[in-house]
Amino acid sequence: MAAAGAGRLRRAASALLLRSPRLPARELSAPARLYHKKVVDHYENPRNVGSLDKTSKNVGTGLVGAPACGDVMKLQIQVDEKGKIVDARFKTFGCGSAIASSSLATEWVKGKTVEEALTIKNTDIAKELCLPPVKLHCSSKSLPAASASGAWP
């Protein structure tokens, strides 16, 4: 894959990261009963944690941080020659909801093309995890104008 293709994968991984809802760091002290069981499950049993070989031509890496929240997320996707995401890995430093959102996002993007994965909205992830609307403000701040609609860039 040419250098232009690697840049495209890096941008795609970054765009996918921006769709994952992130919450304020102060949420770390929230009692567990405030989290839906889906959030607790993904937090306690996160899927696809780790890293892929960033030097591989078919791996894109995205890194995003939310200074207001303190969350930092890295998402990597591996794409086959047909443009399908065959693997996804994440590392997130932040609250339980941010970790759960990253975990769910990696599950959802596997098997999709990059274009299909980019249609996933942060509101879709939040709805699946039963996050209240107030929990979306950090992801909205890190998104461009499309964030008002919940669409990823």
N, C-alpha and C. Protein backbone atom coordinates (compact mmCIF):
# COMPACT_ATOMS: atom_id res chain seq x y z
N MET A 1 0.86 -1.18 0.00
CA MET A 1 0.00 0.00 0.00
C MET A 1 0.90 1.24 0.00
N ALA A 2 0.61 2.18 -0.82
CA ALA A 2 1.42 3.37 -0.98
C ALA A 2 1.33 4.26 0.25
N ALA A 3 2.24 5.25 0.32
CA ALA A 3 2.24 6.19 1.45
C ALA A 3 0.90 6.92 1.56
N ALA A 4 0.27 7.21 0.44
CA ALA A 4 -1.04 7.88 0.47
C ALA A 4 -2.07 6.98 1.14
N GLY A 5 -1.97 5.67 0.89
CA GLY A 5 -2.89 4.73 1.52
C GLY A 5 -2.67 4.67 3.02
N ALA A 6 -1.42 4.73 3.46
CA ALA A 6 -1.13 4.72 4.89
C ALA A 6 -1.67 5.97 5.56
N GLY A 7 -1.58 7.09 4.88
CA GLY A 7 -2.13 8.34 5.42
C GLY A 7 -3.65 8.27 5.53
N ARG A 8 -4.26 7.62 4.56
CA ARG A 8 -5.73 7.44 4.57
C ARG A 8 -6.14 6.57 5.75
N LEU A 9 -5.39 5.50 6.02
CA LEU A 9 -5.71 4.63 7.15
C LEU A 9 -5.53 5.35 8.47
N ARG A 10 -4.49 6.17 8.58
CA ARG A 10 -4.26 6.94 9.81
C ARG A 10 -5.41 7.91 10.04
N ARG A 11 -5.86 8.58 8.98
CA ARG A 11 -6.99 9.51 9.11
C ARG A 11 -8.28 8.76 9.47
N ALA A 12 -8.47 7.58 8.90
CA ALA A 12 -9.67 6.79 9.21
C ALA A 12 -9.67 6.36 10.67
N ALA A 13 -8.52 5.89 11.17
CA ALA A 13 -8.44 5.48 12.58
C ALA A 13 -8.69 6.67 13.49
N SER A 14 -8.17 7.83 13.14
CA SER A 14 -8.40 9.03 13.94
C SER A 14 -9.87 9.42 13.92
N ALA A 15 -10.49 9.34 12.76
CA ALA A 15 -11.91 9.69 12.64
C ALA A 15 -12.77 8.75 13.47
N LEU A 16 -12.43 7.46 13.47
CA LEU A 16 -13.18 6.50 14.27
C LEU A 16 -13.06 6.82 15.75
N LEU A 17 -11.90 7.23 16.17
CA LEU A 17 -11.69 7.60 17.57
C LEU A 17 -12.56 8.76 17.98
N LEU A 18 -12.68 9.74 17.10
CA LEU A 18 -13.44 10.93 17.44
C LEU A 18 -14.92 10.63 17.64
N ARG A 19 -15.39 9.50 17.16
CA ARG A 19 -16.80 9.15 17.31
C ARG A 19 -17.09 8.48 18.64
N SER A 20 -16.10 8.07 19.34
CA SER A 20 -16.31 7.36 20.60
C SER A 20 -16.63 8.35 21.71
N PRO A 21 -17.76 8.21 22.39
CA PRO A 21 -18.11 9.15 23.46
C PRO A 21 -17.07 9.14 24.58
N ARG A 22 -16.72 10.32 25.04
CA ARG A 22 -15.77 10.43 26.14
C ARG A 22 -16.39 11.25 27.25
N LEU A 23 -16.02 10.92 28.46
CA LEU A 23 -16.65 11.54 29.62
C LEU A 23 -15.62 12.25 30.49
N PRO A 24 -16.05 13.14 31.37
CA PRO A 24 -15.12 13.85 32.24
C PRO A 24 -14.37 12.91 33.17
N ALA A 25 -13.12 13.26 33.49
CA ALA A 25 -12.31 12.43 34.38
C ALA A 25 -12.95 12.29 35.75
N ARG A 26 -13.71 13.28 36.20
CA ARG A 26 -14.31 13.19 37.53
C ARG A 26 -15.28 12.02 37.65
N GLU A 27 -15.68 11.46 36.51
CA GLU A 27 -16.60 10.33 36.54
C GLU A 27 -15.95 9.09 37.15
N LEU A 28 -14.65 9.04 37.19
CA LEU A 28 -13.96 7.88 37.75
C LEU A 28 -14.41 7.56 39.16
N SER A 29 -14.82 8.56 39.90
CA SER A 29 -15.24 8.33 41.28
C SER A 29 -16.72 8.03 41.41
N ALA A 30 -17.44 7.98 40.29
CA ALA A 30 -18.88 7.73 40.35
C ALA A 30 -19.15 6.31 40.82
N PRO A 31 -20.17 6.11 41.64
CA PRO A 31 -20.50 4.77 42.09
C PRO A 31 -20.86 3.87 40.91
N ALA A 32 -20.50 2.60 41.00
CA ALA A 32 -20.74 1.65 39.92
C ALA A 32 -22.21 1.55 39.57
N ARG A 33 -23.10 1.79 40.50
CA ARG A 33 -24.53 1.65 40.23
C ARG A 33 -25.02 2.69 39.21
N LEU A 34 -24.25 3.74 38.94
CA LEU A 34 -24.64 4.73 37.95
C LEU A 34 -24.36 4.27 36.52
N TYR A 35 -23.57 3.24 36.37
CA TYR A 35 -23.24 2.73 35.04
C TYR A 35 -24.20 1.62 34.66
N HIS A 36 -24.60 1.59 33.41
CA HIS A 36 -25.41 0.50 32.89
C HIS A 36 -24.55 -0.77 32.86
N LYS A 37 -25.18 -1.92 32.92
CA LYS A 37 -24.44 -3.18 32.96
C LYS A 37 -23.59 -3.39 31.69
N LYS A 38 -23.99 -2.80 30.57
CA LYS A 38 -23.19 -2.91 29.35
C LYS A 38 -21.87 -2.16 29.48
N VAL A 39 -21.91 -0.99 30.13
CA VAL A 39 -20.69 -0.22 30.36
C VAL A 39 -19.77 -1.00 31.30
N VAL A 40 -20.33 -1.52 32.38
CA VAL A 40 -19.54 -2.28 33.35
C VAL A 40 -18.91 -3.50 32.68
N ASP A 41 -19.69 -4.20 31.83
CA ASP A 41 -19.16 -5.38 31.13
C ASP A 41 -17.98 -5.01 30.25
N HIS A 42 -18.10 -3.96 29.42
CA HIS A 42 -17.00 -3.57 28.54
C HIS A 42 -15.82 -3.00 29.33
N TYR A 43 -16.09 -2.39 30.48
CA TYR A 43 -15.01 -1.86 31.31
C TYR A 43 -14.24 -3.00 31.98
N GLU A 44 -14.98 -3.95 32.55
CA GLU A 44 -14.34 -5.06 33.27
C GLU A 44 -13.77 -6.11 32.34
N ASN A 45 -14.34 -6.24 31.15
CA ASN A 45 -13.91 -7.24 30.16
C ASN A 45 -13.73 -6.57 28.80
N PRO A 46 -12.80 -5.63 28.71
CA PRO A 46 -12.65 -4.90 27.45
C PRO A 46 -12.21 -5.83 26.32
N ARG A 47 -12.77 -5.60 25.14
CA ARG A 47 -12.44 -6.38 23.97
C ARG A 47 -11.39 -5.63 23.14
N ASN A 48 -10.48 -6.39 22.58
CA ASN A 48 -9.52 -5.86 21.60
C ASN A 48 -8.56 -4.81 22.16
N VAL A 49 -8.13 -4.99 23.39
CA VAL A 49 -7.14 -4.09 23.98
C VAL A 49 -5.76 -4.46 23.44
N GLY A 50 -4.97 -3.47 23.14
CA GLY A 50 -3.61 -3.73 22.71
C GLY A 50 -3.21 -2.88 21.52
N SER A 51 -2.20 -3.36 20.82
CA SER A 51 -1.65 -2.62 19.69
C SER A 51 -1.41 -3.54 18.52
N LEU A 52 -1.46 -2.96 17.34
CA LEU A 52 -1.08 -3.64 16.11
C LEU A 52 0.28 -3.07 15.68
N ASP A 53 0.92 -3.72 14.73
CA ASP A 53 2.22 -3.26 14.23
C ASP A 53 2.05 -1.96 13.45
N LYS A 54 2.44 -0.86 14.08
CA LYS A 54 2.23 0.45 13.45
C LYS A 54 3.08 0.65 12.19
N THR A 55 4.08 -0.18 11.97
CA THR A 55 4.91 -0.05 10.78
C THR A 55 4.32 -0.81 9.59
N SER A 56 3.30 -1.61 9.83
CA SER A 56 2.67 -2.36 8.76
C SER A 56 1.96 -1.42 7.80
N LYS A 57 2.02 -1.71 6.52
CA LYS A 57 1.42 -0.86 5.49
C LYS A 57 -0.10 -0.83 5.56
N ASN A 58 -0.72 -1.85 6.14
CA ASN A 58 -2.17 -1.91 6.17
C ASN A 58 -2.75 -1.62 7.55
N VAL A 59 -1.97 -0.95 8.41
CA VAL A 59 -2.43 -0.57 9.74
C VAL A 59 -2.46 0.95 9.85
N GLY A 60 -3.60 1.47 10.28
CA GLY A 60 -3.75 2.90 10.52
C GLY A 60 -3.89 3.14 12.01
N THR A 61 -3.24 4.18 12.51
CA THR A 61 -3.28 4.50 13.93
C THR A 61 -3.82 5.90 14.12
N GLY A 62 -4.80 6.02 15.02
CA GLY A 62 -5.36 7.31 15.37
C GLY A 62 -5.16 7.55 16.86
N LEU A 63 -4.83 8.74 17.23
CA LEU A 63 -4.63 9.12 18.62
C LEU A 63 -5.38 10.42 18.87
N VAL A 64 -6.18 10.43 19.92
CA VAL A 64 -6.93 11.63 20.25
C VAL A 64 -6.93 11.81 21.76
N GLY A 65 -6.88 13.06 22.18
CA GLY A 65 -6.96 13.39 23.60
C GLY A 65 -7.96 14.50 23.80
N ALA A 66 -8.59 14.47 24.94
CA ALA A 66 -9.56 15.51 25.28
C ALA A 66 -9.02 16.24 26.51
N PRO A 67 -8.34 17.37 26.31
CA PRO A 67 -7.72 18.08 27.43
C PRO A 67 -8.70 18.43 28.55
N ALA A 68 -9.94 18.74 28.20
CA ALA A 68 -10.93 19.11 29.22
C ALA A 68 -11.27 17.92 30.11
N CYS A 69 -11.20 16.72 29.55
CA CYS A 69 -11.58 15.52 30.29
C CYS A 69 -10.40 14.75 30.84
N GLY A 70 -9.29 14.80 30.14
CA GLY A 70 -8.13 14.02 30.55
C GLY A 70 -8.07 12.66 29.88
N ASP A 71 -9.03 12.34 29.02
CA ASP A 71 -9.03 11.06 28.32
C ASP A 71 -8.03 11.09 27.17
N VAL A 72 -7.36 9.96 26.95
CA VAL A 72 -6.47 9.79 25.80
C VAL A 72 -6.81 8.43 25.21
N MET A 73 -7.03 8.42 23.89
CA MET A 73 -7.41 7.18 23.22
C MET A 73 -6.55 6.95 22.00
N LYS A 74 -6.16 5.68 21.82
CA LYS A 74 -5.47 5.27 20.60
C LYS A 74 -6.28 4.14 20.00
N LEU A 75 -6.57 4.24 18.71
CA LEU A 75 -7.27 3.20 17.99
C LEU A 75 -6.46 2.84 16.76
N GLN A 76 -6.30 1.53 16.54
CA GLN A 76 -5.60 1.06 15.36
C GLN A 76 -6.52 0.12 14.60
N ILE A 77 -6.51 0.25 13.28
CA ILE A 77 -7.28 -0.65 12.44
C ILE A 77 -6.35 -1.30 11.42
N GLN A 78 -6.61 -2.55 11.12
CA GLN A 78 -5.88 -3.27 10.09
C GLN A 78 -6.86 -3.55 8.96
N VAL A 79 -6.50 -3.16 7.76
CA VAL A 79 -7.39 -3.25 6.61
C VAL A 79 -6.79 -4.19 5.58
N ASP A 80 -7.63 -5.09 5.04
CA ASP A 80 -7.13 -6.02 4.02
C ASP A 80 -7.10 -5.34 2.66
N GLU A 81 -6.66 -6.10 1.65
CA GLU A 81 -6.50 -5.54 0.30
C GLU A 81 -7.82 -5.14 -0.34
N LYS A 82 -8.95 -5.62 0.21
CA LYS A 82 -10.27 -5.26 -0.32
C LYS A 82 -10.88 -4.07 0.43
N GLY A 83 -10.15 -3.52 1.40
CA GLY A 83 -10.63 -2.35 2.14
C GLY A 83 -11.49 -2.69 3.34
N LYS A 84 -11.49 -3.94 3.76
CA LYS A 84 -12.29 -4.37 4.91
C LYS A 84 -11.41 -4.36 6.17
N ILE A 85 -11.98 -3.88 7.27
CA ILE A 85 -11.26 -3.85 8.54
C ILE A 85 -11.25 -5.27 9.10
N VAL A 86 -10.06 -5.85 9.20
CA VAL A 86 -9.94 -7.23 9.67
C VAL A 86 -9.56 -7.32 11.14
N ASP A 87 -9.03 -6.23 11.69
CA ASP A 87 -8.70 -6.22 13.11
C ASP A 87 -8.73 -4.77 13.60
N ALA A 88 -9.00 -4.62 14.87
CA ALA A 88 -9.01 -3.30 15.51
C ALA A 88 -8.54 -3.47 16.94
N ARG A 89 -7.71 -2.57 17.40
CA ARG A 89 -7.19 -2.60 18.77
C ARG A 89 -7.26 -1.19 19.34
N PHE A 90 -7.37 -1.11 20.67
CA PHE A 90 -7.41 0.20 21.31
C PHE A 90 -6.64 0.18 22.62
N LYS A 91 -6.24 1.37 23.01
CA LYS A 91 -5.72 1.66 24.34
C LYS A 91 -6.36 2.97 24.75
N THR A 92 -7.01 2.99 25.89
CA THR A 92 -7.68 4.20 26.37
C THR A 92 -7.28 4.44 27.81
N PHE A 93 -6.88 5.66 28.10
CA PHE A 93 -6.62 6.11 29.46
C PHE A 93 -7.71 7.12 29.78
N GLY A 94 -8.61 6.74 30.64
CA GLY A 94 -9.72 7.62 30.96
C GLY A 94 -10.75 6.90 31.81
N CYS A 95 -11.95 7.40 31.79
CA CYS A 95 -13.02 6.88 32.63
C CYS A 95 -13.57 5.56 32.08
N GLY A 96 -14.41 4.93 32.87
CA GLY A 96 -15.00 3.66 32.49
C GLY A 96 -15.83 3.74 31.22
N SER A 97 -16.56 4.82 31.05
CA SER A 97 -17.39 4.96 29.85
C SER A 97 -16.53 5.14 28.60
N ALA A 98 -15.41 5.81 28.71
CA ALA A 98 -14.52 5.98 27.57
C ALA A 98 -13.90 4.64 27.18
N ILE A 99 -13.52 3.85 28.16
CA ILE A 99 -12.97 2.52 27.90
C ILE A 99 -14.03 1.63 27.26
N ALA A 100 -15.23 1.65 27.83
CA ALA A 100 -16.32 0.83 27.29
C ALA A 100 -16.66 1.25 25.86
N SER A 101 -16.69 2.54 25.60
CA SER A 101 -17.00 3.04 24.25
C SER A 101 -15.94 2.60 23.25
N SER A 102 -14.68 2.65 23.64
CA SER A 102 -13.60 2.22 22.76
C SER A 102 -13.70 0.72 22.48
N SER A 103 -13.98 -0.04 23.51
CA SER A 103 -14.12 -1.49 23.36
C SER A 103 -15.25 -1.83 22.40
N LEU A 104 -16.40 -1.20 22.58
CA LEU A 104 -17.54 -1.45 21.70
C LEU A 104 -17.23 -1.02 20.27
N ALA A 105 -16.59 0.11 20.11
CA ALA A 105 -16.26 0.61 18.76
C ALA A 105 -15.39 -0.40 18.01
N THR A 106 -14.41 -1.01 18.69
CA THR A 106 -13.56 -1.99 18.00
C THR A 106 -14.37 -3.20 17.56
N GLU A 107 -15.35 -3.59 18.36
CA GLU A 107 -16.20 -4.71 17.96
C GLU A 107 -17.03 -4.36 16.74
N TRP A 108 -17.56 -3.16 16.71
CA TRP A 108 -18.45 -2.74 15.63
C TRP A 108 -17.73 -2.54 14.30
N VAL A 109 -16.48 -2.09 14.31
CA VAL A 109 -15.82 -1.79 13.05
C VAL A 109 -15.25 -3.03 12.36
N LYS A 110 -14.98 -4.07 13.10
CA LYS A 110 -14.42 -5.28 12.49
C LYS A 110 -15.40 -5.85 11.48
N GLY A 111 -14.87 -6.18 10.31
CA GLY A 111 -15.69 -6.76 9.25
C GLY A 111 -16.33 -5.74 8.34
N LYS A 112 -16.23 -4.47 8.69
CA LYS A 112 -16.80 -3.40 7.86
C LYS A 112 -15.70 -2.80 6.98
N THR A 113 -16.11 -2.16 5.90
CA THR A 113 -15.15 -1.36 5.14
C THR A 113 -14.91 -0.09 5.93
N VAL A 114 -13.86 0.63 5.58
CA VAL A 114 -13.59 1.90 6.25
C VAL A 114 -14.78 2.84 6.06
N GLU A 115 -15.33 2.87 4.87
CA GLU A 115 -16.46 3.75 4.59
C GLU A 115 -17.67 3.37 5.46
N GLU A 116 -17.94 2.07 5.60
CA GLU A 116 -19.05 1.62 6.44
C GLU A 116 -18.80 1.98 7.90
N ALA A 117 -17.58 1.80 8.37
CA ALA A 117 -17.24 2.11 9.76
C ALA A 117 -17.42 3.59 10.05
N LEU A 118 -17.16 4.43 9.05
CA LEU A 118 -17.28 5.86 9.25
C LEU A 118 -18.74 6.33 9.35
N THR A 119 -19.68 5.45 9.08
CA THR A 119 -21.10 5.81 9.23
C THR A 119 -21.59 5.61 10.66
N ILE A 120 -20.79 4.96 11.50
CA ILE A 120 -21.17 4.77 12.90
C ILE A 120 -21.09 6.12 13.60
N LYS A 121 -22.12 6.45 14.36
CA LYS A 121 -22.17 7.72 15.07
C LYS A 121 -21.86 7.52 16.55
N ASN A 122 -21.31 8.56 17.16
CA ASN A 122 -21.06 8.47 18.61
C ASN A 122 -22.37 8.24 19.36
N THR A 123 -23.46 8.75 18.81
CA THR A 123 -24.76 8.56 19.46
C THR A 123 -25.20 7.10 19.38
N ASP A 124 -24.77 6.37 18.33
CA ASP A 124 -25.07 4.94 18.23
C ASP A 124 -24.38 4.17 19.36
N ILE A 125 -23.12 4.52 19.59
CA ILE A 125 -22.35 3.88 20.66
C ILE A 125 -22.96 4.22 22.01
N ALA A 126 -23.28 5.48 22.21
CA ALA A 126 -23.88 5.91 23.48
C ALA A 126 -25.21 5.22 23.72
N LYS A 127 -26.01 5.08 22.67
CA LYS A 127 -27.31 4.43 22.81
C LYS A 127 -27.14 2.96 23.20
N GLU A 128 -26.22 2.29 22.54
CA GLU A 128 -25.98 0.87 22.84
C GLU A 128 -25.52 0.67 24.27
N LEU A 129 -24.70 1.60 24.77
CA LEU A 129 -24.18 1.49 26.15
C LEU A 129 -25.11 2.14 27.18
N CYS A 130 -26.20 2.71 26.70
CA CYS A 130 -27.18 3.38 27.57
C CYS A 130 -26.56 4.54 28.33
N LEU A 131 -25.72 5.32 27.65
CA LEU A 131 -25.12 6.51 28.25
C LEU A 131 -26.12 7.65 28.16
N PRO A 132 -26.30 8.42 29.23
CA PRO A 132 -27.21 9.56 29.15
C PRO A 132 -26.62 10.66 28.26
N PRO A 133 -27.47 11.49 27.67
CA PRO A 133 -26.99 12.54 26.76
C PRO A 133 -25.93 13.45 27.38
N VAL A 134 -26.01 13.68 28.66
CA VAL A 134 -25.04 14.57 29.30
C VAL A 134 -23.62 14.02 29.20
N LYS A 135 -23.48 12.74 28.97
CA LYS A 135 -22.17 12.11 28.89
C LYS A 135 -21.50 12.31 27.53
N LEU A 136 -22.17 12.91 26.58
CA LEU A 136 -21.61 13.10 25.24
C LEU A 136 -20.82 14.38 25.06
N HIS A 137 -20.81 15.27 26.03
CA HIS A 137 -20.24 16.60 25.79
C HIS A 137 -18.76 16.59 25.45
N CYS A 138 -17.99 15.68 25.99
CA CYS A 138 -16.56 15.67 25.65
C CYS A 138 -16.34 15.25 24.21
N SER A 139 -17.09 14.28 23.72
CA SER A 139 -16.91 13.87 22.33
C SER A 139 -17.40 14.96 21.38
N SER A 140 -18.43 15.68 21.77
CA SER A 140 -18.92 16.76 20.92
C SER A 140 -17.89 17.87 20.79
N LYS A 141 -17.15 18.15 21.86
CA LYS A 141 -16.14 19.20 21.81
C LYS A 141 -14.99 18.82 20.89
N SER A 142 -14.70 17.53 20.78
CA SER A 142 -13.56 17.13 19.97
C SER A 142 -13.94 16.90 18.51
N LEU A 143 -15.23 17.00 18.19
CA LEU A 143 -15.67 16.82 16.81
C LEU A 143 -15.84 18.17 16.13
N PRO A 144 -15.68 18.20 14.81
CA PRO A 144 -15.95 19.44 14.08
C PRO A 144 -17.45 19.70 14.00
N ALA A 145 -17.86 20.56 13.11
CA ALA A 145 -19.26 20.98 13.01
C ALA A 145 -20.24 19.81 12.89
N ALA A 146 -19.80 18.69 12.36
CA ALA A 146 -20.68 17.53 12.20
C ALA A 146 -21.13 16.97 13.54
N SER A 147 -20.47 17.35 14.63
CA SER A 147 -20.81 16.79 15.93
C SER A 147 -22.24 17.10 16.36
N ALA A 148 -22.79 18.18 15.89
CA ALA A 148 -24.16 18.51 16.27
C ALA A 148 -25.15 17.46 15.79
N SER A 149 -24.83 16.82 14.66
CA SER A 149 -25.70 15.78 14.13
C SER A 149 -25.33 14.41 14.67
N GLY A 150 -24.20 14.33 15.37
CA GLY A 150 -23.75 13.05 15.88
C GLY A 150 -22.92 12.28 14.85
N ALA A 151 -22.69 12.86 13.69
CA ALA A 151 -21.94 12.17 12.64
C ALA A 151 -20.44 12.33 12.86
N TRP A 152 -19.72 11.36 12.45
CA TRP A 152 -18.26 11.44 12.53
C TRP A 152 -17.77 12.22 11.34
N PRO A 153 -16.60 12.82 11.50
CA PRO A 153 -16.05 13.58 10.37
C PRO A 153 -15.64 12.67 9.22
